[in-house]
Amino acid sequence: MRLYSVYAVEFLLDPVDLLDFSLMLAATAAPIFVAYKVRSKNSRLLALAVLLAAFTFTHSLYHLSLYLGLDYVAAILFWPLGAILLLGFGIYYWKVGV
């Protein structure tokens, strides 16, 4: 009988999204710290740190919206915004570097 396995998987996904949200939110602290330390010394590194912090924060909001059951908001708002920020980070690093 596999009737209960579908519900067990859905029950296990909620705490994982909450854990992902909290870990990504904690990971946002590192680029914010780097941006704070280099704010007047290196503008290129500052821009990279801000882009990376914006991406990690957006990605944490994506996981929070999944946890809250707002799948539509996660798919329409936070996933494309995170992809754009990560792509912008990569293009800026590729063109300008550090």
PDB file of N, CA and C in Angstrom:
ATOM      1  N   MET A   1       0.835  -1.183   0.000  1.00  0.00           N
ATOM      2  CA  MET A   1       0.000   0.000   0.000  1.00  0.00           C
ATOM      3  C   MET A   1       0.879   1.245   0.000  1.00  0.00           C
ATOM      4  N   ARG A   2       0.779   2.038  -1.037  1.00  0.00           N
ATOM      5  CA  ARG A   2       1.556   3.259  -1.145  1.00  0.00           C
ATOM      6  C   ARG A   2       0.693   4.494  -0.945  1.00  0.00           C
ATOM      7  N   LEU A   3      -0.420   4.336  -0.317  1.00  0.00           N
ATOM      8  CA  LEU A   3      -1.341   5.446  -0.146  1.00  0.00           C
ATOM      9  C   LEU A   3      -0.779   6.535   0.768  1.00  0.00           C
ATOM     10  N   TYR A   4      -0.013   6.167   1.771  1.00  0.00           N
ATOM     11  CA  TYR A   4       0.493   7.135   2.734  1.00  0.00           C
ATOM     12  C   TYR A   4       1.806   7.765   2.310  1.00  0.00           C
ATOM     13  N   SER A   5       2.498   7.210   1.341  1.00  0.00           N
ATOM     14  CA  SER A   5       3.827   7.715   0.992  1.00  0.00           C
ATOM     15  C   SER A   5       3.762   9.095   0.355  1.00  0.00           C
ATOM     16  N   VAL A   6       2.725   9.385  -0.392  1.00  0.00           N
ATOM     17  CA  VAL A   6       2.615  10.706  -1.006  1.00  0.00           C
ATOM     18  C   VAL A   6       2.466  11.773   0.069  1.00  0.00           C
ATOM     19  N   TYR A   7       1.660  11.505   1.068  1.00  0.00           N
ATOM     20  CA  TYR A   7       1.474  12.480   2.138  1.00  0.00           C
ATOM     21  C   TYR A   7       2.717  12.597   3.018  1.00  0.00           C
ATOM     22  N   ALA A   8       3.452  11.520   3.184  1.00  0.00           N
ATOM     23  CA  ALA A   8       4.676  11.572   3.983  1.00  0.00           C
ATOM     24  C   ALA A   8       5.717  12.446   3.311  1.00  0.00           C
ATOM     25  N   VAL A   9       5.828  12.379   1.998  1.00  0.00           N
ATOM     26  CA  VAL A   9       6.799  13.199   1.281  1.00  0.00           C
ATOM     27  C   VAL A   9       6.409  14.676   1.378  1.00  0.00           C
ATOM     28  N   GLU A  10       5.135  15.000   1.224  1.00  0.00           N
ATOM     29  CA  GLU A  10       4.711  16.388   1.347  1.00  0.00           C
ATOM     30  C   GLU A  10       4.955  16.917   2.754  1.00  0.00           C
ATOM     31  N   PHE A  11       4.796  16.093   3.761  1.00  0.00           N
ATOM     32  CA  PHE A  11       5.033  16.519   5.131  1.00  0.00           C
ATOM     33  C   PHE A  11       6.515  16.775   5.371  1.00  0.00           C
ATOM     34  N   LEU A  12       7.380  16.003   4.740  1.00  0.00           N
ATOM     35  CA  LEU A  12       8.814  16.175   4.949  1.00  0.00           C
ATOM     36  C   LEU A  12       9.384  17.362   4.177  1.00  0.00           C
ATOM     37  N   LEU A  13       8.708  17.815   3.142  1.00  0.00           N
ATOM     38  CA  LEU A  13       9.245  18.917   2.363  1.00  0.00           C
ATOM     39  C   LEU A  13       9.116  20.261   3.084  1.00  0.00           C
ATOM     40  N   ASP A  14       8.116  20.434   3.892  1.00  0.00           N
ATOM     41  CA  ASP A  14       7.930  21.709   4.569  1.00  0.00           C
ATOM     42  C   ASP A  14       9.086  22.065   5.498  1.00  0.00           C
ATOM     43  N   PRO A  15       9.535  21.155   6.376  1.00  0.00           N
ATOM     44  CA  PRO A  15      10.677  21.523   7.232  1.00  0.00           C
ATOM     45  C   PRO A  15      11.961  21.738   6.438  1.00  0.00           C
ATOM     46  N   VAL A  16      12.099  21.069   5.315  1.00  0.00           N
ATOM     47  CA  VAL A  16      13.297  21.253   4.500  1.00  0.00           C
ATOM     48  C   VAL A  16      13.315  22.658   3.912  1.00  0.00           C
ATOM     49  N   ASP A  17      12.183  23.152   3.446  1.00  0.00           N
ATOM     50  CA  ASP A  17      12.136  24.518   2.921  1.00  0.00           C
ATOM     51  C   ASP A  17      12.390  25.540   4.018  1.00  0.00           C
ATOM     52  N   LEU A  18      11.915  25.277   5.217  1.00  0.00           N
ATOM     53  CA  LEU A  18      12.187  26.188   6.322  1.00  0.00           C
ATOM     54  C   LEU A  18      13.670  26.171   6.683  1.00  0.00           C
ATOM     55  N   LEU A  19      14.278  25.012   6.656  1.00  0.00           N
ATOM     56  CA  LEU A  19      15.716  24.913   6.903  1.00  0.00           C
ATOM     57  C   LEU A  19      16.502  25.610   5.797  1.00  0.00           C
ATOM     58  N   ASP A  20      16.082  25.421   4.542  1.00  0.00           N
ATOM     59  CA  ASP A  20      16.743  26.108   3.435  1.00  0.00           C
ATOM     60  C   ASP A  20      16.630  27.626   3.582  1.00  0.00           C
ATOM     61  N   PHE A  21      15.452  28.094   3.993  1.00  0.00           N
ATOM     62  CA  PHE A  21      15.269  29.528   4.204  1.00  0.00           C
ATOM     63  C   PHE A  21      16.233  30.054   5.262  1.00  0.00           C
ATOM     64  N   SER A  22      16.316  29.361   6.384  1.00  0.00           N
ATOM     65  CA  SER A  22      17.174  29.861   7.465  1.00  0.00           C
ATOM     66  C   SER A  22      18.651  29.790   7.092  1.00  0.00           C
ATOM     67  N   LEU A  23      19.067  28.755   6.380  1.00  0.00           N
ATOM     68  CA  LEU A  23      20.476  28.659   5.982  1.00  0.00           C
ATOM     69  C   LEU A  23      20.845  29.685   4.923  1.00  0.00           C
ATOM     70  N   MET A  24      19.943  29.921   3.981  1.00  0.00           N
ATOM     71  CA  MET A  24      20.231  30.930   2.964  1.00  0.00           C
ATOM     72  C   MET A  24      20.213  32.337   3.565  1.00  0.00           C
ATOM     73  N   LEU A  25      19.345  32.554   4.535  1.00  0.00           N
ATOM     74  CA  LEU A  25      19.333  33.849   5.210  1.00  0.00           C
ATOM     75  C   LEU A  25      20.633  34.055   5.990  1.00  0.00           C
ATOM     76  N   ALA A  26      21.131  33.002   6.606  1.00  0.00           N
ATOM     77  CA  ALA A  26      22.413  33.100   7.309  1.00  0.00           C
ATOM     78  C   ALA A  26      23.563  33.297   6.322  1.00  0.00           C
ATOM     79  N   ALA A  27      23.454  32.689   5.134  1.00  0.00           N
ATOM     80  CA  ALA A  27      24.502  32.837   4.123  1.00  0.00           C
ATOM     81  C   ALA A  27      24.532  34.248   3.544  1.00  0.00           C
ATOM     82  N   THR A  28      23.465  34.980   3.703  1.00  0.00           N
ATOM     83  CA  THR A  28      23.434  36.360   3.226  1.00  0.00           C
ATOM     84  C   THR A  28      24.369  37.249   4.046  1.00  0.00           C
ATOM     85  N   ALA A  29      24.671  36.846   5.250  1.00  0.00           N
ATOM     86  CA  ALA A  29      25.507  37.666   6.125  1.00  0.00           C
ATOM     87  C   ALA A  29      26.937  37.810   5.604  1.00  0.00           C
ATOM     88  N   ALA A  30      27.481  36.782   4.972  1.00  0.00           N
ATOM     89  CA  ALA A  30      28.872  36.847   4.507  1.00  0.00           C
ATOM     90  C   ALA A  30      29.082  37.914   3.435  1.00  0.00           C
ATOM     91  N   PRO A  31      28.287  37.956   2.357  1.00  0.00           N
ATOM     92  CA  PRO A  31      28.521  39.033   1.384  1.00  0.00           C
ATOM     93  C   PRO A  31      28.180  40.421   1.922  1.00  0.00           C
ATOM     94  N   ILE A  32      27.240  40.502   2.857  1.00  0.00           N
ATOM     95  CA  ILE A  32      26.959  41.805   3.470  1.00  0.00           C
ATOM     96  C   ILE A  32      28.152  42.267   4.290  1.00  0.00           C
ATOM     97  N   PHE A  33      28.792  41.359   4.998  1.00  0.00           N
ATOM     98  CA  PHE A  33      29.988  41.695   5.775  1.00  0.00           C
ATOM     99  C   PHE A  33      31.126  42.140   4.855  1.00  0.00           C
ATOM    100  N   VAL A  34      31.305  41.429   3.745  1.00  0.00           N
ATOM    101  CA  VAL A  34      32.344  41.815   2.778  1.00  0.00           C
ATOM    102  C   VAL A  34      32.033  43.195   2.193  1.00  0.00           C
ATOM    103  N   ALA A  35      30.775  43.429   1.866  1.00  0.00           N
ATOM    104  CA  ALA A  35      30.401  44.734   1.311  1.00  0.00           C
ATOM    105  C   ALA A  35      30.648  45.846   2.329  1.00  0.00           C
ATOM    106  N   TYR A  36      30.392  45.568   3.588  1.00  0.00           N
ATOM    107  CA  TYR A  36      30.625  46.567   4.626  1.00  0.00           C
ATOM    108  C   TYR A  36      32.114  46.876   4.784  1.00  0.00           C
ATOM    109  N   LYS A  37      32.937  45.838   4.706  1.00  0.00           N
ATOM    110  CA  LYS A  37      34.372  46.032   4.912  1.00  0.00           C
ATOM    111  C   LYS A  37      35.055  46.739   3.741  1.00  0.00           C
ATOM    112  N   VAL A  38      34.574  46.546   2.519  1.00  0.00           N
ATOM    113  CA  VAL A  38      35.259  47.111   1.350  1.00  0.00           C
ATOM    114  C   VAL A  38      34.482  48.272   0.721  1.00  0.00           C
ATOM    115  N   ARG A  39      33.557  48.863   1.465  1.00  0.00           N
ATOM    116  CA  ARG A  39      32.653  49.858   0.887  1.00  0.00           C
ATOM    117  C   ARG A  39      33.374  51.064   0.304  1.00  0.00           C
ATOM    118  N   SER A  40      34.521  51.435   0.811  1.00  0.00           N
ATOM    119  CA  SER A  40      35.218  52.607   0.271  1.00  0.00           C
ATOM    120  C   SER A  40      36.543  52.251  -0.398  1.00  0.00           C
ATOM    121  N   LYS A  41      36.932  50.991  -0.363  1.00  0.00           N
ATOM    122  CA  LYS A  41      38.237  50.617  -0.893  1.00  0.00           C
ATOM    123  C   LYS A  41      38.170  50.078  -2.319  1.00  0.00           C
ATOM    124  N   ASN A  42      37.177  49.242  -2.596  1.00  0.00           N
ATOM    125  CA  ASN A  42      37.127  48.563  -3.887  1.00  0.00           C
ATOM    126  C   ASN A  42      35.669  48.532  -4.358  1.00  0.00           C
ATOM    127  N   SER A  43      35.335  49.392  -5.292  1.00  0.00           N
ATOM    128  CA  SER A  43      33.938  49.490  -5.726  1.00  0.00           C
ATOM    129  C   SER A  43      33.501  48.273  -6.534  1.00  0.00           C
ATOM    130  N   ARG A  44      34.431  47.629  -7.237  1.00  0.00           N
ATOM    131  CA  ARG A  44      34.055  46.440  -8.011  1.00  0.00           C
ATOM    132  C   ARG A  44      33.723  45.278  -7.094  1.00  0.00           C
ATOM    133  N   LEU A  45      34.501  45.088  -6.049  1.00  0.00           N
ATOM    134  CA  LEU A  45      34.207  44.032  -5.083  1.00  0.00           C
ATOM    135  C   LEU A  45      32.932  44.347  -4.303  1.00  0.00           C
ATOM    136  N   LEU A  46      32.696  45.615  -4.044  1.00  0.00           N
ATOM    137  CA  LEU A  46      31.455  46.021  -3.384  1.00  0.00           C
ATOM    138  C   LEU A  46      30.245  45.655  -4.231  1.00  0.00           C
ATOM    139  N   ALA A  47      30.307  45.918  -5.520  1.00  0.00           N
ATOM    140  CA  ALA A  47      29.188  45.580  -6.406  1.00  0.00           C
ATOM    141  C   ALA A  47      28.964  44.072  -6.463  1.00  0.00           C
ATOM    142  N   LEU A  48      30.040  43.306  -6.514  1.00  0.00           N
ATOM    143  CA  LEU A  48      29.909  41.846  -6.516  1.00  0.00           C
ATOM    144  C   LEU A  48      29.286  41.345  -5.218  1.00  0.00           C
ATOM    145  N   ALA A  49      29.714  41.890  -4.102  1.00  0.00           N
ATOM    146  CA  ALA A  49      29.177  41.459  -2.813  1.00  0.00           C
ATOM    147  C   ALA A  49      27.701  41.822  -2.681  1.00  0.00           C
ATOM    148  N   VAL A  50      27.322  42.986  -3.160  1.00  0.00           N
ATOM    149  CA  VAL A  50      25.921  43.399  -3.080  1.00  0.00           C
ATOM    150  C   VAL A  50      25.055  42.522  -3.972  1.00  0.00           C
ATOM    151  N   LEU A  51      25.530  42.216  -5.178  1.00  0.00           N
ATOM    152  CA  LEU A  51      24.771  41.326  -6.069  1.00  0.00           C
ATOM    153  C   LEU A  51      24.621  39.937  -5.461  1.00  0.00           C
ATOM    154  N   LEU A  52      25.678  39.430  -4.860  1.00  0.00           N
ATOM    155  CA  LEU A  52      25.610  38.105  -4.245  1.00  0.00           C
ATOM    156  C   LEU A  52      24.693  38.109  -3.024  1.00  0.00           C
ATOM    157  N   ALA A  53      24.743  39.159  -2.233  1.00  0.00           N
ATOM    158  CA  ALA A  53      23.850  39.261  -1.072  1.00  0.00           C
ATOM    159  C   ALA A  53      22.394  39.370  -1.512  1.00  0.00           C
ATOM    160  N   ALA A  54      22.144  40.121  -2.570  1.00  0.00           N
ATOM    161  CA  ALA A  54      20.773  40.240  -3.076  1.00  0.00           C
ATOM    162  C   ALA A  54      20.271  38.901  -3.591  1.00  0.00           C
ATOM    163  N   PHE A  55      21.143  38.147  -4.269  1.00  0.00           N
ATOM    164  CA  PHE A  55      20.730  36.829  -4.747  1.00  0.00           C
ATOM    165  C   PHE A  55      20.414  35.875  -3.597  1.00  0.00           C
ATOM    166  N   THR A  56      21.285  35.803  -2.613  1.00  0.00           N
ATOM    167  CA  THR A  56      21.048  34.862  -1.517  1.00  0.00           C
ATOM    168  C   THR A  56      19.812  35.248  -0.713  1.00  0.00           C
ATOM    169  N   PHE A  57      19.576  36.544  -0.547  1.00  0.00           N
ATOM    170  CA  PHE A  57      18.366  36.969   0.161  1.00  0.00           C
ATOM    171  C   PHE A  57      17.114  36.627  -0.641  1.00  0.00           C
ATOM    172  N   THR A  58      17.156  36.861  -1.934  1.00  0.00           N
ATOM    173  CA  THR A  58      16.021  36.518  -2.790  1.00  0.00           C
ATOM    174  C   THR A  58      15.771  35.022  -2.793  1.00  0.00           C
ATOM    175  N   HIS A  59      16.841  34.256  -2.816  1.00  0.00           N
ATOM    176  CA  HIS A  59      16.682  32.800  -2.807  1.00  0.00           C
ATOM    177  C   HIS A  59      16.126  32.315  -1.465  1.00  0.00           C
ATOM    178  N   SER A  60      16.490  32.981  -0.383  1.00  0.00           N
ATOM    179  CA  SER A  60      15.907  32.600   0.905  1.00  0.00           C
ATOM    180  C   SER A  60      14.417  32.937   0.939  1.00  0.00           C
ATOM    181  N   LEU A  61      14.018  34.055   0.327  1.00  0.00           N
ATOM    182  CA  LEU A  61      12.599  34.388   0.243  1.00  0.00           C
ATOM    183  C   LEU A  61      11.834  33.396  -0.635  1.00  0.00           C
ATOM    184  N   TYR A  62      12.506  32.868  -1.642  1.00  0.00           N
ATOM    185  CA  TYR A  62      11.911  31.822  -2.477  1.00  0.00           C
ATOM    186  C   TYR A  62      11.566  30.604  -1.626  1.00  0.00           C
ATOM    187  N   HIS A  63      12.492  30.174  -0.790  1.00  0.00           N
ATOM    188  CA  HIS A  63      12.238  29.011   0.069  1.00  0.00           C
ATOM    189  C   HIS A  63      11.198  29.318   1.143  1.00  0.00           C
ATOM    190  N   LEU A  64      11.175  30.536   1.646  1.00  0.00           N
ATOM    191  CA  LEU A  64      10.151  30.899   2.613  1.00  0.00           C
ATOM    192  C   LEU A  64       8.754  30.865   1.986  1.00  0.00           C
ATOM    193  N   SER A  65       8.645  31.360   0.776  1.00  0.00           N
ATOM    194  CA  SER A  65       7.333  31.326   0.121  1.00  0.00           C
ATOM    195  C   SER A  65       6.904  29.902  -0.194  1.00  0.00           C
ATOM    196  N   LEU A  66       7.844  29.025  -0.508  1.00  0.00           N
ATOM    197  CA  LEU A  66       7.496  27.615  -0.690  1.00  0.00           C
ATOM    198  C   LEU A  66       7.022  27.007   0.623  1.00  0.00           C
ATOM    199  N   TYR A  67       7.678  27.346   1.707  1.00  0.00           N
ATOM    200  CA  TYR A  67       7.293  26.825   3.013  1.00  0.00           C
ATOM    201  C   TYR A  67       5.895  27.292   3.400  1.00  0.00           C
ATOM    202  N   LEU A  68       5.575  28.532   3.077  1.00  0.00           N
ATOM    203  CA  LEU A  68       4.274  29.084   3.428  1.00  0.00           C
ATOM    204  C   LEU A  68       3.166  28.639   2.474  1.00  0.00           C
ATOM    205  N   GLY A  69       3.538  27.886   1.446  1.00  0.00           N
ATOM    206  CA  GLY A  69       2.546  27.389   0.502  1.00  0.00           C
ATOM    207  C   GLY A  69       2.221  28.367  -0.610  1.00  0.00           C
ATOM    208  N   LEU A  70       3.033  29.364  -0.781  1.00  0.00           N
ATOM    209  CA  LEU A  70       2.839  30.348  -1.847  1.00  0.00           C
ATOM    210  C   LEU A  70       3.668  29.955  -3.069  1.00  0.00           C
ATOM    211  N   ASP A  71       3.356  28.794  -3.628  1.00  0.00           N
ATOM    212  CA  ASP A  71       4.138  28.272  -4.746  1.00  0.00           C
ATOM    213  C   ASP A  71       4.074  29.192  -5.958  1.00  0.00           C
ATOM    214  N   TYR A  72       2.929  29.799  -6.189  1.00  0.00           N
ATOM    215  CA  TYR A  72       2.768  30.686  -7.336  1.00  0.00           C
ATOM    216  C   TYR A  72       3.675  31.913  -7.202  1.00  0.00           C
ATOM    217  N   VAL A  73       3.731  32.488  -6.020  1.00  0.00           N
ATOM    218  CA  VAL A  73       4.594  33.654  -5.791  1.00  0.00           C
ATOM    219  C   VAL A  73       6.060  33.256  -5.941  1.00  0.00           C
ATOM    220  N   ALA A  74       6.396  32.072  -5.445  1.00  0.00           N
ATOM    221  CA  ALA A  74       7.777  31.605  -5.558  1.00  0.00           C
ATOM    222  C   ALA A  74       8.180  31.421  -7.012  1.00  0.00           C
ATOM    223  N   ALA A  75       7.274  30.835  -7.801  1.00  0.00           N
ATOM    224  CA  ALA A  75       7.598  30.537  -9.193  1.00  0.00           C
ATOM    225  C   ALA A  75       7.562  31.785 -10.073  1.00  0.00           C
ATOM    226  N   ILE A  76       6.664  32.712  -9.778  1.00  0.00           N
ATOM    227  CA  ILE A  76       6.501  33.879 -10.641  1.00  0.00           C
ATOM    228  C   ILE A  76       7.409  35.039 -10.241  1.00  0.00           C
ATOM    229  N   LEU A  77       7.652  35.217  -8.959  1.00  0.00           N
ATOM    230  CA  LEU A  77       8.400  36.394  -8.507  1.00  0.00           C
ATOM    231  C   LEU A  77       9.840  36.077  -8.109  1.00  0.00           C
ATOM    232  N   PHE A  78      10.009  35.180  -7.150  1.00  0.00           N
ATOM    233  CA  PHE A  78      11.328  35.007  -6.545  1.00  0.00           C
ATOM    234  C   PHE A  78      12.290  34.177  -7.388  1.00  0.00           C
ATOM    235  N   TRP A  79      11.794  33.180  -8.097  1.00  0.00           N
ATOM    236  CA  TRP A  79      12.704  32.362  -8.911  1.00  0.00           C
ATOM    237  C   TRP A  79      13.296  33.159 -10.062  1.00  0.00           C
ATOM    238  N   PRO A  80      12.475  33.894 -10.864  1.00  0.00           N
ATOM    239  CA  PRO A  80      13.094  34.692 -11.931  1.00  0.00           C
ATOM    240  C   PRO A  80      13.963  35.828 -11.411  1.00  0.00           C
ATOM    241  N   LEU A  81      13.556  36.448 -10.313  1.00  0.00           N
ATOM    242  CA  LEU A  81      14.363  37.530  -9.751  1.00  0.00           C
ATOM    243  C   LEU A  81      15.723  37.006  -9.289  1.00  0.00           C
ATOM    244  N   GLY A  82      15.728  35.850  -8.643  1.00  0.00           N
ATOM    245  CA  GLY A  82      16.995  35.245  -8.235  1.00  0.00           C
ATOM    246  C   GLY A  82      17.863  34.859  -9.419  1.00  0.00           C
ATOM    247  N   ALA A  83      17.236  34.344 -10.473  1.00  0.00           N
ATOM    248  CA  ALA A  83      17.997  33.983 -11.672  1.00  0.00           C
ATOM    249  C   ALA A  83      18.607  35.219 -12.324  1.00  0.00           C
ATOM    250  N   ILE A  84      17.852  36.302 -12.374  1.00  0.00           N
ATOM    251  CA  ILE A  84      18.371  37.547 -12.952  1.00  0.00           C
ATOM    252  C   ILE A  84      19.534  38.083 -12.121  1.00  0.00           C
ATOM    253  N   LEU A  85      19.401  38.043 -10.807  1.00  0.00           N
ATOM    254  CA  LEU A  85      20.493  38.530  -9.952  1.00  0.00           C
ATOM    255  C   LEU A  85      21.741  37.667 -10.071  1.00  0.00           C
ATOM    256  N   LEU A  86      21.557  36.361 -10.133  1.00  0.00           N
ATOM    257  CA  LEU A  86      22.720  35.478 -10.274  1.00  0.00           C
ATOM    258  C   LEU A  86      23.369  35.643 -11.643  1.00  0.00           C
ATOM    259  N   LEU A  87      22.564  35.809 -12.667  1.00  0.00           N
ATOM    260  CA  LEU A  87      23.101  36.053 -14.002  1.00  0.00           C
ATOM    261  C   LEU A  87      23.827  37.392 -14.049  1.00  0.00           C
ATOM    262  N   GLY A  88      23.256  38.399 -13.399  1.00  0.00           N
ATOM    263  CA  GLY A  88      23.930  39.694 -13.333  1.00  0.00           C
ATOM    264  C   GLY A  88      25.257  39.616 -12.592  1.00  0.00           C
ATOM    265  N   PHE A  89      25.288  38.826 -11.523  1.00  0.00           N
ATOM    266  CA  PHE A  89      26.540  38.611 -10.791  1.00  0.00           C
ATOM    267  C   PHE A  89      27.589  37.972 -11.705  1.00  0.00           C
ATOM    268  N   GLY A  90      27.185  36.934 -12.425  1.00  0.00           N
ATOM    269  CA  GLY A  90      28.136  36.253 -13.318  1.00  0.00           C
ATOM    270  C   GLY A  90      28.618  37.125 -14.443  1.00  0.00           C
ATOM    271  N   ILE A  91      27.730  37.893 -15.044  1.00  0.00           N
ATOM    272  CA  ILE A  91      28.136  38.768 -16.149  1.00  0.00           C
ATOM    273  C   ILE A  91      29.036  39.895 -15.635  1.00  0.00           C
ATOM    274  N   TYR A  92      28.709  40.444 -14.488  1.00  0.00           N
ATOM    275  CA  TYR A  92      29.562  41.506 -13.940  1.00  0.00           C
ATOM    276  C   TYR A  92      30.945  40.975 -13.592  1.00  0.00           C
ATOM    277  N   TYR A  93      31.006  39.773 -13.031  1.00  0.00           N
ATOM    278  CA  TYR A  93      32.310  39.188 -12.698  1.00  0.00           C
ATOM    279  C   TYR A  93      33.087  38.859 -13.964  1.00  0.00           C
ATOM    280  N   TRP A  94      32.385  38.414 -14.982  1.00  0.00           N
ATOM    281  CA  TRP A  94      33.050  38.056 -16.236  1.00  0.00           C
ATOM    282  C   TRP A  94      33.598  39.290 -16.939  1.00  0.00           C
ATOM    283  N   LYS A  95      32.836  40.371 -16.950  1.00  0.00           N
ATOM    284  CA  LYS A  95      33.259  41.584 -17.665  1.00  0.00           C
ATOM    285  C   LYS A  95      34.259  42.414 -16.867  1.00  0.00           C
ATOM    286  N   VAL A  96      34.018  42.589 -15.569  1.00  0.00           N
ATOM    287  CA  VAL A  96      34.833  43.514 -14.786  1.00  0.00           C
ATOM    288  C   VAL A  96      35.856  42.792 -13.927  1.00  0.00           C
ATOM    289  N   GLY A  97      35.428  41.692 -13.295  1.00  0.00           N
ATOM    290  CA  GLY A  97      36.323  40.979 -12.388  1.00  0.00           C
ATOM    291  C   GLY A  97      36.524  41.736 -11.098  1.00  0.00           C
ATOM    292  N   VAL A  98      37.555  41.383 -10.378  1.00  0.00           N
ATOM    293  CA  VAL A  98      37.841  42.042  -9.119  1.00  0.00           C
ATOM    294  C   VAL A  98      39.077  42.797  -9.266  1.00  0.00           C
TER     295      VAL A  98
END
